[in-house]
Amino acid sequence: MGMVFCRGCGKEIHETAMSCPHCGAQQLAPQNQTTTDKRILPAALFCFFFGFLGVHRFYVGKVGTGILQILTLGGLGIWVLIDFIMIVVGSFTDSDGKKINLWT
């Protein structure tokens, strides 16, 4: 991992920094970004309240498995429980395989 220059103030910062610790300027996302713009909080709430309908899977773009959760009522609750745990610990992915690991 290397260092880059801030887009706002020009000071040297770590290349994985999303914002500059000196001036707060947002940095460009790295080309090999492995996170998505989806957030944990809405996904977790959708899963907790409407998990048996697969709403959280529709939220992240997994339409096929969302339909399967509707038909199986969330795998009789087991599939929903596993999804909920994966969402909360930050290992749930969206339809592109990018991890959902930011709360807000």
C-alpha atoms as a PDB file:
ATOM      1  CA  MET A   1       0.000   0.000   0.000  1.00  0.00           C
ATOM      2  CA  GLY A   2       1.295   3.396  -0.915  1.00  0.00           C
ATOM      3  CA  MET A   3       0.711   7.037  -0.399  1.00  0.00           C
ATOM      4  CA  VAL A   4      -1.097   9.495  -2.684  1.00  0.00           C
ATOM      5  CA  PHE A   5      -1.774  13.219  -2.604  1.00  0.00           C
ATOM      6  CA  CYS A   6      -5.097  14.635  -1.390  1.00  0.00           C
ATOM      7  CA  ARG A   7      -7.367  16.091  -4.063  1.00  0.00           C
ATOM      8  CA  GLY A   8      -8.255  19.003  -1.776  1.00  0.00           C
ATOM      9  CA  CYS A   9      -5.158  20.162   0.107  1.00  0.00           C
ATOM     10  CA  GLY A  10      -2.382  18.235  -1.631  1.00  0.00           C
ATOM     11  CA  LYS A  11      -1.006  16.636   1.534  1.00  0.00           C
ATOM     12  CA  GLU A  12       0.194  13.059   1.417  1.00  0.00           C
ATOM     13  CA  ILE A  13      -2.398  10.507   2.584  1.00  0.00           C
ATOM     14  CA  HIS A  14      -2.775   6.729   2.451  1.00  0.00           C
ATOM     15  CA  GLU A  15      -4.140   5.486  -0.881  1.00  0.00           C
ATOM     16  CA  THR A  16      -7.103   3.688   0.740  1.00  0.00           C
ATOM     17  CA  ALA A  17      -8.370   6.831   2.534  1.00  0.00           C
ATOM     18  CA  MET A  18     -11.912   7.722   1.504  1.00  0.00           C
ATOM     19  CA  SER A  19     -11.445  11.279   2.800  1.00  0.00           C
ATOM     20  CA  CYS A  20      -8.454  13.375   3.760  1.00  0.00           C
ATOM     21  CA  PRO A  21      -7.721  13.383   7.522  1.00  0.00           C
ATOM     22  CA  HIS A  22      -6.307  16.928   7.190  1.00  0.00           C
ATOM     23  CA  CYS A  23      -8.982  18.796   5.202  1.00  0.00           C
ATOM     24  CA  GLY A  24     -11.835  16.254   4.959  1.00  0.00           C
ATOM     25  CA  ALA A  25     -12.009  16.295   1.146  1.00  0.00           C
ATOM     26  CA  GLN A  26     -13.569  13.190  -0.373  1.00  0.00           C
ATOM     27  CA  GLN A  27     -11.152  11.132  -2.435  1.00  0.00           C
ATOM     28  CA  LEU A  28     -11.902   9.205  -5.593  1.00  0.00           C
ATOM     29  CA  ALA A  29     -12.768   5.560  -5.041  1.00  0.00           C
ATOM     30  CA  PRO A  30      -9.956   3.198  -6.018  1.00  0.00           C
ATOM     31  CA  GLN A  31     -10.348   1.388  -9.319  1.00  0.00           C
ATOM     32  CA  ASN A  32     -10.457  -2.008  -7.602  1.00  0.00           C
ATOM     33  CA  GLN A  33     -13.155  -0.926  -5.162  1.00  0.00           C
ATOM     34  CA  THR A  34     -14.639  -3.926  -3.391  1.00  0.00           C
ATOM     35  CA  THR A  35     -17.483  -2.132  -1.604  1.00  0.00           C
ATOM     36  CA  THR A  36     -20.845  -1.013  -2.898  1.00  0.00           C
ATOM     37  CA  ASP A  37     -22.982   2.081  -2.454  1.00  0.00           C
ATOM     38  CA  LYS A  38     -25.554  -0.031  -0.584  1.00  0.00           C
ATOM     39  CA  ARG A  39     -25.576   0.285   3.206  1.00  0.00           C
ATOM     40  CA  ILE A  40     -25.852  -2.185   6.090  1.00  0.00           C
ATOM     41  CA  LEU A  41     -28.554  -0.338   8.063  1.00  0.00           C
ATOM     42  CA  PRO A  42     -31.294  -0.405   5.407  1.00  0.00           C
ATOM     43  CA  ALA A  43     -30.380  -3.949   4.370  1.00  0.00           C
ATOM     44  CA  ALA A  44     -30.502  -5.130   8.006  1.00  0.00           C
ATOM     45  CA  LEU A  45     -33.846  -3.418   8.626  1.00  0.00           C
ATOM     46  CA  PHE A  46     -35.321  -4.861   5.430  1.00  0.00           C
ATOM     47  CA  CYS A  47     -34.042  -8.300   6.390  1.00  0.00           C
ATOM     48  CA  PHE A  48     -35.317  -8.092   9.975  1.00  0.00           C
ATOM     49  CA  PHE A  49     -38.822  -6.848   9.152  1.00  0.00           C
ATOM     50  CA  PHE A  50     -39.413  -8.205   5.636  1.00  0.00           C
ATOM     51  CA  GLY A  51     -36.813 -10.966   5.301  1.00  0.00           C
ATOM     52  CA  PHE A  52     -39.398 -13.646   4.582  1.00  0.00           C
ATOM     53  CA  LEU A  53     -40.286 -11.631   1.442  1.00  0.00           C
ATOM     54  CA  GLY A  54     -36.647 -11.236   0.380  1.00  0.00           C
ATOM     55  CA  VAL A  55     -36.863  -7.429   0.339  1.00  0.00           C
ATOM     56  CA  HIS A  56     -33.221  -7.100   1.442  1.00  0.00           C
ATOM     57  CA  ARG A  57     -32.137  -9.173  -1.553  1.00  0.00           C
ATOM     58  CA  PHE A  58     -34.114  -6.959  -3.934  1.00  0.00           C
ATOM     59  CA  TYR A  59     -32.432  -3.941  -2.263  1.00  0.00           C
ATOM     60  CA  VAL A  60     -28.946  -5.232  -3.135  1.00  0.00           C
ATOM     61  CA  GLY A  61     -29.949  -6.313  -6.641  1.00  0.00           C
ATOM     62  CA  LYS A  62     -30.248 -10.074  -6.117  1.00  0.00           C
ATOM     63  CA  VAL A  63     -33.654 -10.393  -7.770  1.00  0.00           C
ATOM     64  CA  GLY A  64     -33.513 -14.126  -8.474  1.00  0.00           C
ATOM     65  CA  THR A  65     -32.807 -15.132  -4.903  1.00  0.00           C
ATOM     66  CA  GLY A  66     -35.283 -12.500  -3.715  1.00  0.00           C
ATOM     67  CA  ILE A  67     -38.013 -14.308  -5.650  1.00  0.00           C
ATOM     68  CA  LEU A  68     -36.859 -17.632  -4.191  1.00  0.00           C
ATOM     69  CA  GLN A  69     -37.144 -16.168  -0.693  1.00  0.00           C
ATOM     70  CA  ILE A  70     -40.711 -15.083  -1.429  1.00  0.00           C
ATOM     71  CA  LEU A  71     -41.604 -18.578  -2.616  1.00  0.00           C
ATOM     72  CA  THR A  72     -39.961 -20.316   0.372  1.00  0.00           C
ATOM     73  CA  LEU A  73     -40.842 -17.642   2.969  1.00  0.00           C
ATOM     74  CA  GLY A  74     -37.172 -16.943   3.494  1.00  0.00           C
ATOM     75  CA  GLY A  75     -36.199 -20.596   3.595  1.00  0.00           C
ATOM     76  CA  LEU A  76     -38.638 -21.008   6.497  1.00  0.00           C
ATOM     77  CA  GLY A  77     -36.672 -18.376   8.398  1.00  0.00           C
ATOM     78  CA  ILE A  78     -33.299 -20.116   8.288  1.00  0.00           C
ATOM     79  CA  TRP A  79     -32.131 -18.353   5.123  1.00  0.00           C
ATOM     80  CA  VAL A  80     -33.258 -15.007   6.563  1.00  0.00           C
ATOM     81  CA  LEU A  81     -31.381 -15.591   9.814  1.00  0.00           C
ATOM     82  CA  ILE A  82     -28.174 -16.427   7.952  1.00  0.00           C
ATOM     83  CA  ASP A  83     -28.592 -13.365   5.705  1.00  0.00           C
ATOM     84  CA  PHE A  84     -29.225 -11.126   8.725  1.00  0.00           C
ATOM     85  CA  ILE A  85     -26.050 -12.301  10.454  1.00  0.00           C
ATOM     86  CA  MET A  86     -24.027 -11.864   7.254  1.00  0.00           C
ATOM     87  CA  ILE A  87     -25.405  -8.339   6.768  1.00  0.00           C
ATOM     88  CA  VAL A  88     -24.637  -7.233  10.328  1.00  0.00           C
ATOM     89  CA  VAL A  89     -21.059  -8.549  10.301  1.00  0.00           C
ATOM     90  CA  GLY A  90     -20.387  -6.927   6.906  1.00  0.00           C
ATOM     91  CA  SER A  91     -19.870 -10.010   4.751  1.00  0.00           C
ATOM     92  CA  PHE A  92     -23.078  -9.779   2.680  1.00  0.00           C
ATOM     93  CA  THR A  93     -22.520  -8.888  -0.985  1.00  0.00           C
ATOM     94  CA  ASP A  94     -24.575  -7.159  -3.642  1.00  0.00           C
ATOM     95  CA  SER A  95     -25.364  -8.497  -7.114  1.00  0.00           C
ATOM     96  CA  ASP A  96     -21.892  -7.470  -8.362  1.00  0.00           C
ATOM     97  CA  GLY A  97     -20.149  -9.383  -5.577  1.00  0.00           C
ATOM     98  CA  LYS A  98     -19.104  -6.197  -3.732  1.00  0.00           C
ATOM     99  CA  LYS A  99     -19.297  -6.308   0.068  1.00  0.00           C
ATOM    100  CA  ILE A 100     -21.811  -4.191   1.922  1.00  0.00           C
ATOM    101  CA  ASN A 101     -19.705  -2.969   4.832  1.00  0.00           C
ATOM    102  CA  LEU A 102     -20.706   0.652   5.538  1.00  0.00           C
ATOM    103  CA  TRP A 103     -23.491   1.342   8.039  1.00  0.00           C
ATOM    104  CA  THR A 104     -24.624   4.763   6.802  1.00  0.00           C
END
